[in-house]
PDB file of N, CA and C in Angstrom:
ATOM      1  N   MET A   1      65.042  88.152 106.840  1.00  0.00           N
ATOM      2  CA  MET A   1      66.242  87.751 107.551  1.00  0.00           C
ATOM      3  C   MET A   1      67.107  88.974 107.790  1.00  0.00           C
ATOM      4  N   ALA A   2      67.521  89.193 109.023  1.00  0.00           N
ATOM      5  CA  ALA A   2      68.337  90.353 109.374  1.00  0.00           C
ATOM      6  C   ALA A   2      69.743  90.200 108.816  1.00  0.00           C
ATOM      7  N   GLU A   3      70.289  91.315 108.374  1.00  0.00           N
ATOM      8  CA  GLU A   3      71.647  91.289 107.830  1.00  0.00           C
ATOM      9  C   GLU A   3      72.640  91.135 108.976  1.00  0.00           C
ATOM     10  N   GLU A   4      73.580  90.213 108.832  1.00  0.00           N
ATOM     11  CA  GLU A   4      74.578  89.974 109.858  1.00  0.00           C
ATOM     12  C   GLU A   4      75.611  91.092 109.828  1.00  0.00           C
ATOM     13  N   LYS A   5      75.914  91.651 110.999  1.00  0.00           N
ATOM     14  CA  LYS A   5      76.897  92.733 111.091  1.00  0.00           C
ATOM     15  C   LYS A   5      78.299  92.143 110.980  1.00  0.00           C
ATOM     16  N   LYS A   6      79.091  92.701 110.079  1.00  0.00           N
ATOM     17  CA  LYS A   6      80.468  92.246 109.919  1.00  0.00           C
ATOM     18  C   LYS A   6      81.330  92.869 111.011  1.00  0.00           C
ATOM     19  N   PRO A   7      82.342  92.156 111.478  1.00  0.00           N
ATOM     20  CA  PRO A   7      83.185  92.709 112.543  1.00  0.00           C
ATOM     21  C   PRO A   7      83.956  93.933 112.069  1.00  0.00           C
ATOM     22  N   GLU A   8      84.098  94.896 112.958  1.00  0.00           N
ATOM     23  CA  GLU A   8      84.860  96.098 112.636  1.00  0.00           C
ATOM     24  C   GLU A   8      86.334  95.840 112.946  1.00  0.00           C
ATOM     25  N   ILE A   9      87.196  96.165 112.001  1.00  0.00           N
ATOM     26  CA  ILE A   9      88.627  95.981 112.201  1.00  0.00           C
ATOM     27  C   ILE A   9      89.233  97.318 112.577  1.00  0.00           C
ATOM     28  N   THR A  10      89.852  97.354 113.738  1.00  0.00           N
ATOM     29  CA  THR A  10      90.533  98.550 114.216  1.00  0.00           C
ATOM     30  C   THR A  10      91.991  98.199 114.453  1.00  0.00           C
ATOM     31  N   GLU A  11      92.803  99.209 114.762  1.00  0.00           N
ATOM     32  CA  GLU A  11      94.226  98.958 115.016  1.00  0.00           C
ATOM     33  C   GLU A  11      94.406  97.961 116.154  1.00  0.00           C
ATOM     34  N   SER A  12      93.574  98.038 117.178  1.00  0.00           N
ATOM     35  CA  SER A  12      93.732  97.152 118.333  1.00  0.00           C
ATOM     36  C   SER A  12      93.242  95.727 118.072  1.00  0.00           C
ATOM     37  N   THR A  13      92.355  95.529 117.103  1.00  0.00           N
ATOM     38  CA  THR A  13      91.866  94.175 116.820  1.00  0.00           C
ATOM     39  C   THR A  13      92.472  93.571 115.562  1.00  0.00           C
ATOM     40  N   ALA A  14      93.289  94.313 114.840  1.00  0.00           N
ATOM     41  CA  ALA A  14      93.838  93.837 113.567  1.00  0.00           C
ATOM     42  C   ALA A  14      94.646  92.551 113.723  1.00  0.00           C
ATOM     43  N   THR A  15      95.289  92.348 114.847  1.00  0.00           N
ATOM     44  CA  THR A  15      96.089  91.138 115.027  1.00  0.00           C
ATOM     45  C   THR A  15      95.221  89.910 115.233  1.00  0.00           C
ATOM     46  N   GLN A  16      93.926  90.073 115.388  1.00  0.00           N
ATOM     47  CA  GLN A  16      93.023  88.952 115.577  1.00  0.00           C
ATOM     48  C   GLN A  16      92.488  88.435 114.242  1.00  0.00           C
ATOM     49  N   PHE A  17      92.895  89.072 113.135  1.00  0.00           N
ATOM     50  CA  PHE A  17      92.408  88.705 111.815  1.00  0.00           C
ATOM     51  C   PHE A  17      93.576  88.308 110.920  1.00  0.00           C
ATOM     52  N   VAL A  18      93.273  87.550 109.898  1.00  0.00           N
ATOM     53  CA  VAL A  18      94.290  87.122 108.955  1.00  0.00           C
ATOM     54  C   VAL A  18      93.752  87.314 107.542  1.00  0.00           C
ATOM     55  N   LEU A  19      94.638  87.677 106.632  1.00  0.00           N
ATOM     56  CA  LEU A  19      94.291  87.831 105.224  1.00  0.00           C
ATOM     57  C   LEU A  19      94.581  86.507 104.531  1.00  0.00           C
ATOM     58  N   VAL A  20      93.576  85.941 103.881  1.00  0.00           N
ATOM     59  CA  VAL A  20      93.751  84.688 103.147  1.00  0.00           C
ATOM     60  C   VAL A  20      93.258  84.878 101.720  1.00  0.00           C
ATOM     61  N   LYS A  21      93.776  84.067 100.822  1.00  0.00           N
ATOM     62  CA  LYS A  21      93.411  84.158  99.407  1.00  0.00           C
ATOM     63  C   LYS A  21      92.943  82.789  98.946  1.00  0.00           C
ATOM     64  N   ASP A  22      91.797  82.763  98.239  1.00  0.00           N
ATOM     65  CA  ASP A  22      91.306  81.480  97.743  1.00  0.00           C
ATOM     66  C   ASP A  22      91.993  81.115  96.428  1.00  0.00           C
ATOM     67  N   LYS A  23      91.673  79.952  95.902  1.00  0.00           N
ATOM     68  CA  LYS A  23      92.333  79.459  94.690  1.00  0.00           C
ATOM     69  C   LYS A  23      92.131  80.369  93.492  1.00  0.00           C
ATOM     70  N   SER A  24      91.026  81.111  93.458  1.00  0.00           N
ATOM     71  CA  SER A  24      90.771  82.002  92.318  1.00  0.00           C
ATOM     72  C   SER A  24      91.424  83.367  92.507  1.00  0.00           C
ATOM     73  N   GLY A  25      92.092  83.588  93.650  1.00  0.00           N
ATOM     74  CA  GLY A  25      92.776  84.854  93.903  1.00  0.00           C
ATOM     75  C   GLY A  25      91.965  85.852  94.704  1.00  0.00           C
ATOM     76  N   LYS A  26      90.744  85.504  95.081  1.00  0.00           N
ATOM     77  CA  LYS A  26      89.899  86.388  95.875  1.00  0.00           C
ATOM     78  C   LYS A  26      90.428  86.424  97.306  1.00  0.00           C
ATOM     79  N   GLU A  27      90.558  87.641  97.868  1.00  0.00           N
ATOM     80  CA  GLU A  27      91.105  87.804  99.213  1.00  0.00           C
ATOM     81  C   GLU A  27      89.997  87.934 100.252  1.00  0.00           C
ATOM     82  N   PHE A  28      90.266  87.406 101.445  1.00  0.00           N
ATOM     83  CA  PHE A  28      89.338  87.462 102.564  1.00  0.00           C
ATOM     84  C   PHE A  28      90.104  87.863 103.822  1.00  0.00           C
ATOM     85  N   VAL A  29      89.449  88.604 104.698  1.00  0.00           N
ATOM     86  CA  VAL A  29      89.982  88.906 106.019  1.00  0.00           C
ATOM     87  C   VAL A  29      89.082  88.171 106.996  1.00  0.00           C
ATOM     88  N   CYS A  30      89.662  87.239 107.747  1.00  0.00           N
ATOM     89  CA  CYS A  30      88.867  86.390 108.634  1.00  0.00           C
ATOM     90  C   CYS A  30      89.434  86.394 110.048  1.00  0.00           C
ATOM     91  N   PRO A  31      88.561  86.187 111.032  1.00  0.00           N
ATOM     92  CA  PRO A  31      89.063  85.997 112.395  1.00  0.00           C
ATOM     93  C   PRO A  31      89.962  84.753 112.409  1.00  0.00           C
ATOM     94  N   ILE A  32      91.071  84.837 113.105  1.00  0.00           N
ATOM     95  CA  ILE A  32      92.015  83.717 113.151  1.00  0.00           C
ATOM     96  C   ILE A  32      91.331  82.448 113.639  1.00  0.00           C
ATOM     97  N   ASN A  33      90.462  82.560 114.638  1.00  0.00           N
ATOM     98  CA  ASN A  33      89.830  81.364 115.183  1.00  0.00           C
ATOM     99  C   ASN A  33      88.774  80.773 114.256  1.00  0.00           C
ATOM    100  N   ALA A  34      88.461  81.436 113.142  1.00  0.00           N
ATOM    101  CA  ALA A  34      87.499  80.904 112.172  1.00  0.00           C
ATOM    102  C   ALA A  34      88.177  80.072 111.092  1.00  0.00           C
ATOM    103  N   LEU A  35      89.508  80.033 111.064  1.00  0.00           N
ATOM    104  CA  LEU A  35      90.223  79.317 110.016  1.00  0.00           C
ATOM    105  C   LEU A  35      90.179  77.809 110.227  1.00  0.00           C
ATOM    106  N   LYS A  36      89.892  77.113 109.146  1.00  0.00           N
ATOM    107  CA  LYS A  36      89.962  75.656 109.124  1.00  0.00           C
ATOM    108  C   LYS A  36      89.929  75.225 107.662  1.00  0.00           C
ATOM    109  N   ASP A  37      89.997  73.958 107.419  1.00  0.00           N
ATOM    110  CA  ASP A  37      89.978  73.426 106.058  1.00  0.00           C
ATOM    111  C   ASP A  37      88.764  73.982 105.319  1.00  0.00           C
ATOM    112  N   ALA A  38      88.997  74.694 104.221  1.00  0.00           N
ATOM    113  CA  ALA A  38      87.925  75.356 103.481  1.00  0.00           C
ATOM    114  C   ALA A  38      86.869  74.384 102.976  1.00  0.00           C
ATOM    115  N   SER A  39      87.254  73.170 102.691  1.00  0.00           N
ATOM    116  CA  SER A  39      86.284  72.199 102.183  1.00  0.00           C
ATOM    117  C   SER A  39      85.290  71.758 103.258  1.00  0.00           C
ATOM    118  N   LYS A  40      85.558  72.111 104.516  1.00  0.00           N
ATOM    119  CA  LYS A  40      84.689  71.692 105.618  1.00  0.00           C
ATOM    120  C   LYS A  40      83.849  72.847 106.179  1.00  0.00           C
ATOM    121  N   LEU A  41      83.874  74.014 105.529  1.00  0.00           N
ATOM    122  CA  LEU A  41      83.103  75.157 106.017  1.00  0.00           C
ATOM    123  C   LEU A  41      81.619  75.002 105.700  1.00  0.00           C
ATOM    124  N   SER A  42      80.791  75.357 106.676  1.00  0.00           N
ATOM    125  CA  SER A  42      79.349  75.407 106.422  1.00  0.00           C
ATOM    126  C   SER A  42      79.029  76.785 105.846  1.00  0.00           C
ATOM    127  N   GLU A  43      77.844  76.954 105.302  1.00  0.00           N
ATOM    128  CA  GLU A  43      77.434  78.255 104.758  1.00  0.00           C
ATOM    129  C   GLU A  43      77.438  79.308 105.871  1.00  0.00           C
ATOM    130  N   GLU A  44      77.024  78.933 107.064  1.00  0.00           N
ATOM    131  CA  GLU A  44      77.000  79.868 108.201  1.00  0.00           C
ATOM    132  C   GLU A  44      78.423  80.318 108.550  1.00  0.00           C
ATOM    133  N   GLU A  45      79.382  79.423 108.510  1.00  0.00           N
ATOM    134  CA  GLU A  45      80.767  79.779 108.798  1.00  0.00           C
ATOM    135  C   GLU A  45      81.326  80.706 107.726  1.00  0.00           C
ATOM    136  N   ARG A  46      80.954  80.507 106.477  1.00  0.00           N
ATOM    137  CA  ARG A  46      81.425  81.376 105.396  1.00  0.00           C
ATOM    138  C   ARG A  46      80.963  82.808 105.595  1.00  0.00           C
ATOM    139  N   LYS A  47      79.812  83.009 106.205  1.00  0.00           N
ATOM    140  CA  LYS A  47      79.271  84.342 106.448  1.00  0.00           C
ATOM    141  C   LYS A  47      80.113  85.133 107.451  1.00  0.00           C
ATOM    142  N   LYS A  48      80.946  84.467 108.230  1.00  0.00           N
ATOM    143  CA  LYS A  48      81.781  85.138 109.230  1.00  0.00           C
ATOM    144  C   LYS A  48      83.008  85.786 108.603  1.00  0.00           C
ATOM    145  N   CYS A  49      83.249  85.517 107.340  1.00  0.00           N
ATOM    146  CA  CYS A  49      84.409  86.074 106.659  1.00  0.00           C
ATOM    147  C   CYS A  49      84.033  87.331 105.893  1.00  0.00           C
ATOM    148  N   ILE A  50      84.977  88.232 105.756  1.00  0.00           N
ATOM    149  CA  ILE A  50      84.811  89.476 105.025  1.00  0.00           C
ATOM    150  C   ILE A  50      85.477  89.302 103.674  1.00  0.00           C
ATOM    151  N   GLU A  51      84.796  89.709 102.601  1.00  0.00           N
ATOM    152  CA  GLU A  51      85.325  89.475 101.256  1.00  0.00           C
ATOM    153  C   GLU A  51      86.619  90.186 100.955  1.00  0.00           C
ATOM    154  N   ASN A  52      86.800  91.396 101.427  1.00  0.00           N
ATOM    155  CA  ASN A  52      88.041  92.110 101.130  1.00  0.00           C
ATOM    156  C   ASN A  52      88.337  93.125 102.226  1.00  0.00           C
ATOM    157  N   VAL A  53      89.570  93.533 102.296  1.00  0.00           N
ATOM    158  CA  VAL A  53      90.012  94.459 103.329  1.00  0.00           C
ATOM    159  C   VAL A  53      89.264  95.782 103.236  1.00  0.00           C
ATOM    160  N   GLU A  54      89.058  96.280 102.026  1.00  0.00           N
ATOM    161  CA  GLU A  54      88.388  97.569 101.850  1.00  0.00           C
ATOM    162  C   GLU A  54      86.982  97.527 102.440  1.00  0.00           C
ATOM    163  N   GLY A  55      86.314  96.391 102.352  1.00  0.00           N
ATOM    164  CA  GLY A  55      84.969  96.261 102.891  1.00  0.00           C
ATOM    165  C   GLY A  55      84.926  96.230 104.407  1.00  0.00           C
ATOM    166  N   ALA A  56      86.057  95.927 105.034  1.00  0.00           N
ATOM    167  CA  ALA A  56      86.113  95.822 106.479  1.00  0.00           C
ATOM    168  C   ALA A  56      86.535  97.121 107.159  1.00  0.00           C
ATOM    169  N   ILE A  57      87.201  97.986 106.426  1.00  0.00           N
ATOM    170  CA  ILE A  57      87.736  99.221 107.006  1.00  0.00           C
ATOM    171  C   ILE A  57      86.743 100.351 106.807  1.00  0.00           C
ATOM    172  N   GLU A  58      86.388 100.986 107.888  1.00  0.00           N
ATOM    173  CA  GLU A  58      85.494 102.134 107.792  1.00  0.00           C
ATOM    174  C   GLU A  58      86.337 103.395 107.755  1.00  0.00           C
ATOM    175  N   GLY A  59      86.125 104.226 106.744  1.00  0.00           N
ATOM    176  CA  GLY A  59      86.954 105.405 106.559  1.00  0.00           C
ATOM    177  C   GLY A  59      86.409 106.665 107.024  1.00  0.00           C
TER     178      GLY A  59
END
């Protein structure tokens, strides 16, 4: 199975993403249009989220 490429966050696209925190305190950066009730997410939808800001920023 090919690894899914995570979206690159740049200054021009940063406003299209939102930082959210789950109940355990883990932070995610997700596309705004991917947000919905967490209990209704499929496994495929969860893959569209980035686990943390540091993982999304290329230095």
